[in-house]
């Protein structure tokens, strides 16, 4: 919402210097894109309309251009309150359209994920385990042991040092400590339920590939590169773990001091 409102204001300001030339030009004239100012204004207009279309906002070019022209001429036809109310209505429409889109995408991702997990379960080496989601419900996830380590497993609250590669079921990698060349450290309490469930039983040196359903992963609020209700794959290698030291509790001050 803020982005496109900023673009509208910027476009109006940028166009002010060339208003007189635009008024004298015929409707059939095309901008000279070799001209820096015209190219910049054209780019702003293109960006604004692209943003509207992405949000499924109906574009009425006649009304849109009239608003621009009246604002540049200092003769707006809406009061400040009317303009604010109209923009609020548009913001609500954009929000509702966005939610509806995410719902459709989420349903598609859920269906694809369920089909993937069903097929994956029949592959050699795939094992199953259960884990609790944030809402307390129990869900099944899958894993493959790629390499076995030794020693103890971390406890709840321990900090893990590990390498990981995160991908979607189509193979698209969206995050990787290996690509960055540096392992990461996470407290067990800071990771998604599916990853935490696996880490609790892994040992130092273990390398597992985890297949995590949405309820044990990002759920319906996955970031743009992942999407809502997406099944994700994590290849995790546990390098080490340790128990963070508790901070000493300061003794209370003596009464009266």
Foldseek 3Di string as FASTA:
>chain_A
DVVLVVLLVVLLVLCLVCVVVVVPDDPPDDFDCVDPSSVVSVVSVVVNVVVCVVLVHDDDPVVVVVQSNCVSVVHHPDDPVRVVVVVVVVVVSSVVSVVVVLVVVQVVQQVVLVVLVVVVCPDPQKDKDWWAFPVRDIDIKIKGWPWADDDAADDQFKKFWKWKWKDFPVRHTDDTVVVVPGTDIDTLVPAFGQVSVVRRHGDAQIWMKIWAWQRRHVAQPDPPVQGHRHTMIMTMHTHDIDHDDDDDDDDDDPPPD
